[in-house]
């Protein structure tokens, strides 16, 4: 994990061109000590903050102090890793029961009968 202080965007008054308060956090996923499954899920994510080389780049410029922006960037990285650490539940394929299929067909027939009664009577 490495930090780089950069100048924040937006309005900032007199210090805007002098003080570097925003933070770029760079975290190399492949070189980290995370479990292989978490690394794979992180790299498979379609997140724009993850580069092709497998480096997470997080820019934090919410706060006016460098330390608070650094803490914010670390918290956002923790949230990203925690989301990837969560193993999604496997979907178990199910089929509708016989009674639910029969109820569905019965409802369709009843609806068709109601619509048939609206038609003109043919002699």
C-alpha atoms as a PDB file:
ATOM      1  CA  UNK A   1       0.000   0.000   0.000  1.00  0.00           C
ATOM      2  CA  UNK A   2       1.435   3.359  -0.961  1.00  0.00           C
ATOM      3  CA  UNK A   3       0.181   6.910  -0.566  1.00  0.00           C
ATOM      4  CA  UNK A   4       0.786   9.924  -2.795  1.00  0.00           C
ATOM      5  CA  UNK A   5      -0.241  13.439  -1.799  1.00  0.00           C
ATOM      6  CA  UNK A   6      -1.797  15.319  -4.716  1.00  0.00           C
ATOM      7  CA  UNK A   7      -3.601  18.611  -5.108  1.00  0.00           C
ATOM      8  CA  UNK A   8      -7.345  18.376  -4.621  1.00  0.00           C
ATOM      9  CA  UNK A   9      -9.811  19.540  -7.274  1.00  0.00           C
ATOM     10  CA  UNK A  10     -12.349  22.274  -6.803  1.00  0.00           C
ATOM     11  CA  UNK A  11     -12.374  25.566  -4.949  1.00  0.00           C
ATOM     12  CA  UNK A  12      -9.873  26.019  -2.155  1.00  0.00           C
ATOM     13  CA  UNK A  13      -9.091  29.680  -1.669  1.00  0.00           C
ATOM     14  CA  UNK A  14      -5.544  30.977  -1.295  1.00  0.00           C
ATOM     15  CA  UNK A  15      -3.944  27.586  -0.586  1.00  0.00           C
ATOM     16  CA  UNK A  16      -5.428  25.733  -3.559  1.00  0.00           C
ATOM     17  CA  UNK A  17      -2.204  25.866  -5.598  1.00  0.00           C
ATOM     18  CA  UNK A  18       0.182  25.341  -2.672  1.00  0.00           C
ATOM     19  CA  UNK A  19      -1.158  22.576  -0.439  1.00  0.00           C
ATOM     20  CA  UNK A  20      -1.488  18.919  -1.487  1.00  0.00           C
ATOM     21  CA  UNK A  21      -4.279  17.563   0.693  1.00  0.00           C
ATOM     22  CA  UNK A  22      -5.824  14.898  -1.538  1.00  0.00           C
ATOM     23  CA  UNK A  23      -4.482  11.339  -1.349  1.00  0.00           C
ATOM     24  CA  UNK A  24      -3.957   8.655  -3.993  1.00  0.00           C
ATOM     25  CA  UNK A  25      -3.850   5.227  -2.343  1.00  0.00           C
ATOM     26  CA  UNK A  26      -2.344   2.469  -4.494  1.00  0.00           C
ATOM     27  CA  UNK A  27      -2.772  -1.168  -3.451  1.00  0.00           C
ATOM     28  CA  UNK A  28      -1.317  -4.024  -5.517  1.00  0.00           C
ATOM     29  CA  UNK A  29      -3.767  -6.916  -5.286  1.00  0.00           C
ATOM     30  CA  UNK A  30      -1.474  -9.571  -6.758  1.00  0.00           C
ATOM     31  CA  UNK A  31       1.452  -8.701  -4.446  1.00  0.00           C
ATOM     32  CA  UNK A  32      -0.753  -8.569  -1.325  1.00  0.00           C
ATOM     33  CA  UNK A  33      -1.102 -11.248   1.336  1.00  0.00           C
ATOM     34  CA  UNK A  34      -4.845 -11.651   0.796  1.00  0.00           C
ATOM     35  CA  UNK A  35      -6.221 -15.181   0.270  1.00  0.00           C
ATOM     36  CA  UNK A  36      -6.226 -16.315  -3.357  1.00  0.00           C
ATOM     37  CA  UNK A  37     -10.044 -16.524  -3.494  1.00  0.00           C
ATOM     38  CA  UNK A  38     -10.404 -12.902  -2.342  1.00  0.00           C
ATOM     39  CA  UNK A  39      -7.755 -11.783  -4.852  1.00  0.00           C
ATOM     40  CA  UNK A  40      -9.621 -13.548  -7.655  1.00  0.00           C
ATOM     41  CA  UNK A  41     -12.951 -11.968  -6.668  1.00  0.00           C
ATOM     42  CA  UNK A  42     -11.338  -8.521  -6.437  1.00  0.00           C
ATOM     43  CA  UNK A  43      -9.731  -8.845  -9.866  1.00  0.00           C
ATOM     44  CA  UNK A  44     -12.971 -10.173 -11.369  1.00  0.00           C
ATOM     45  CA  UNK A  45     -14.927  -7.143 -10.152  1.00  0.00           C
ATOM     46  CA  UNK A  46     -15.871  -4.651 -12.829  1.00  0.00           C
ATOM     47  CA  UNK A  47     -14.639  -1.776 -10.678  1.00  0.00           C
ATOM     48  CA  UNK A  48     -13.120   1.202 -12.484  1.00  0.00           C
ATOM     49  CA  UNK A  49     -10.722   1.796  -9.574  1.00  0.00           C
ATOM     50  CA  UNK A  50      -8.884  -1.462 -10.379  1.00  0.00           C
ATOM     51  CA  UNK A  51      -6.340  -1.191 -13.208  1.00  0.00           C
ATOM     52  CA  UNK A  52      -5.462  -3.918 -15.714  1.00  0.00           C
ATOM     53  CA  UNK A  53      -2.272  -4.609 -13.757  1.00  0.00           C
ATOM     54  CA  UNK A  54      -4.345  -5.403 -10.654  1.00  0.00           C
ATOM     55  CA  UNK A  55      -3.661  -2.204  -8.727  1.00  0.00           C
ATOM     56  CA  UNK A  56      -6.464  -0.503  -6.801  1.00  0.00           C
ATOM     57  CA  UNK A  57      -6.244   3.295  -7.034  1.00  0.00           C
ATOM     58  CA  UNK A  58      -8.425   5.236  -4.596  1.00  0.00           C
ATOM     59  CA  UNK A  59      -8.467   9.045  -4.585  1.00  0.00           C
ATOM     60  CA  UNK A  60      -9.704  10.737  -1.443  1.00  0.00           C
ATOM     61  CA  UNK A  61     -10.267  14.492  -1.301  1.00  0.00           C
ATOM     62  CA  UNK A  62     -13.320  14.799   0.938  1.00  0.00           C
ATOM     63  CA  UNK A  63     -11.548  16.416   3.879  1.00  0.00           C
ATOM     64  CA  UNK A  64      -9.286  19.430   4.251  1.00  0.00           C
ATOM     65  CA  UNK A  65      -6.499  17.571   6.044  1.00  0.00           C
ATOM     66  CA  UNK A  66      -4.131  15.018   4.556  1.00  0.00           C
ATOM     67  CA  UNK A  67      -4.479  12.665   7.543  1.00  0.00           C
ATOM     68  CA  UNK A  68      -8.271  12.527   7.342  1.00  0.00           C
ATOM     69  CA  UNK A  69      -8.125  11.884   3.577  1.00  0.00           C
ATOM     70  CA  UNK A  70      -5.606   9.085   4.187  1.00  0.00           C
ATOM     71  CA  UNK A  71      -7.911   7.510   6.802  1.00  0.00           C
ATOM     72  CA  UNK A  72     -10.865   7.857   4.413  1.00  0.00           C
ATOM     73  CA  UNK A  73      -8.926   6.139   1.604  1.00  0.00           C
ATOM     74  CA  UNK A  74      -7.949   3.259   3.915  1.00  0.00           C
ATOM     75  CA  UNK A  75     -11.566   2.871   5.055  1.00  0.00           C
ATOM     76  CA  UNK A  76     -12.733   2.736   1.420  1.00  0.00           C
ATOM     77  CA  UNK A  77     -10.095   0.101   0.627  1.00  0.00           C
ATOM     78  CA  UNK A  78     -11.234  -1.953   3.636  1.00  0.00           C
ATOM     79  CA  UNK A  79     -14.834  -1.741   2.403  1.00  0.00           C
ATOM     80  CA  UNK A  80     -13.794  -2.892  -1.078  1.00  0.00           C
ATOM     81  CA  UNK A  81     -11.834  -5.862   0.286  1.00  0.00           C
ATOM     82  CA  UNK A  82     -14.633  -6.765   2.716  1.00  0.00           C
ATOM     83  CA  UNK A  83     -17.141  -6.807  -0.153  1.00  0.00           C
ATOM     84  CA  UNK A  84     -14.853  -9.126  -2.122  1.00  0.00           C
ATOM     85  CA  UNK A  85     -14.295 -11.353   0.926  1.00  0.00           C
ATOM     86  CA  UNK A  86     -18.037 -12.044   1.131  1.00  0.00           C
ATOM     87  CA  UNK A  87     -18.723 -15.363  -0.606  1.00  0.00           C
ATOM     88  CA  UNK A  88     -21.968 -15.128  -2.600  1.00  0.00           C
ATOM     89  CA  UNK A  89     -24.548 -17.811  -1.915  1.00  0.00           C
ATOM     90  CA  UNK A  90     -24.830 -20.389  -4.682  1.00  0.00           C
ATOM     91  CA  UNK A  91     -28.187 -20.407  -6.412  1.00  0.00           C
ATOM     92  CA  UNK A  92     -29.994 -23.711  -6.178  1.00  0.00           C
ATOM     93  CA  UNK A  93     -32.166 -24.406  -9.212  1.00  0.00           C
ATOM     94  CA  UNK A  94     -35.791 -25.075  -8.297  1.00  0.00           C
ATOM     95  CA  UNK A  95     -38.875 -26.072 -10.241  1.00  0.00           C
ATOM     96  CA  UNK A  96     -42.462 -24.955  -9.663  1.00  0.00           C
ATOM     97  CA  UNK A  97     -44.646 -27.434  -7.811  1.00  0.00           C
ATOM     98  CA  UNK A  98     -47.396 -29.324  -9.565  1.00  0.00           C
ATOM     99  CA  UNK A  99     -50.143 -27.481  -7.673  1.00  0.00           C
ATOM    100  CA  UNK A 100     -48.656 -24.063  -8.516  1.00  0.00           C
ATOM    101  CA  UNK A 101     -48.541 -25.010 -12.208  1.00  0.00           C
ATOM    102  CA  UNK A 102     -52.181 -26.176 -12.061  1.00  0.00           C
ATOM    103  CA  UNK A 103     -53.246 -22.973 -10.272  1.00  0.00           C
ATOM    104  CA  UNK A 104     -51.497 -20.906 -12.939  1.00  0.00           C
ATOM    105  CA  UNK A 105     -53.233 -22.765 -15.782  1.00  0.00           C
ATOM    106  CA  UNK A 106     -56.579 -22.517 -13.985  1.00  0.00           C
ATOM    107  CA  UNK A 107     -56.159 -18.756 -13.599  1.00  0.00           C
ATOM    108  CA  UNK A 108     -55.288 -18.414 -17.280  1.00  0.00           C
ATOM    109  CA  UNK A 109     -58.380 -20.411 -18.272  1.00  0.00           C
ATOM    110  CA  UNK A 110     -60.607 -18.320 -16.015  1.00  0.00           C
ATOM    111  CA  UNK A 111     -59.197 -15.106 -17.488  1.00  0.00           C
ATOM    112  CA  UNK A 112     -59.746 -16.461 -21.016  1.00  0.00           C
ATOM    113  CA  UNK A 113     -63.357 -17.308 -20.166  1.00  0.00           C
ATOM    114  CA  UNK A 114     -63.966 -13.750 -18.894  1.00  0.00           C
ATOM    115  CA  UNK A 115     -62.540 -12.332 -22.119  1.00  0.00           C
ATOM    116  CA  UNK A 116     -64.576 -14.765 -24.233  1.00  0.00           C
ATOM    117  CA  UNK A 117     -67.775 -13.447 -22.602  1.00  0.00           C
ATOM    118  CA  UNK A 118     -66.911  -9.950 -23.870  1.00  0.00           C
ATOM    119  CA  UNK A 119     -66.925 -11.033 -27.495  1.00  0.00           C
ATOM    120  CA  UNK A 120     -69.876 -10.469 -29.809  1.00  0.00           C
ATOM    121  CA  UNK A 121     -72.337 -13.336 -30.010  1.00  0.00           C
ATOM    122  CA  UNK A 122     -72.205 -14.993 -33.414  1.00  0.00           C
ATOM    123  CA  UNK A 123     -75.518 -16.511 -34.654  1.00  0.00           C
END
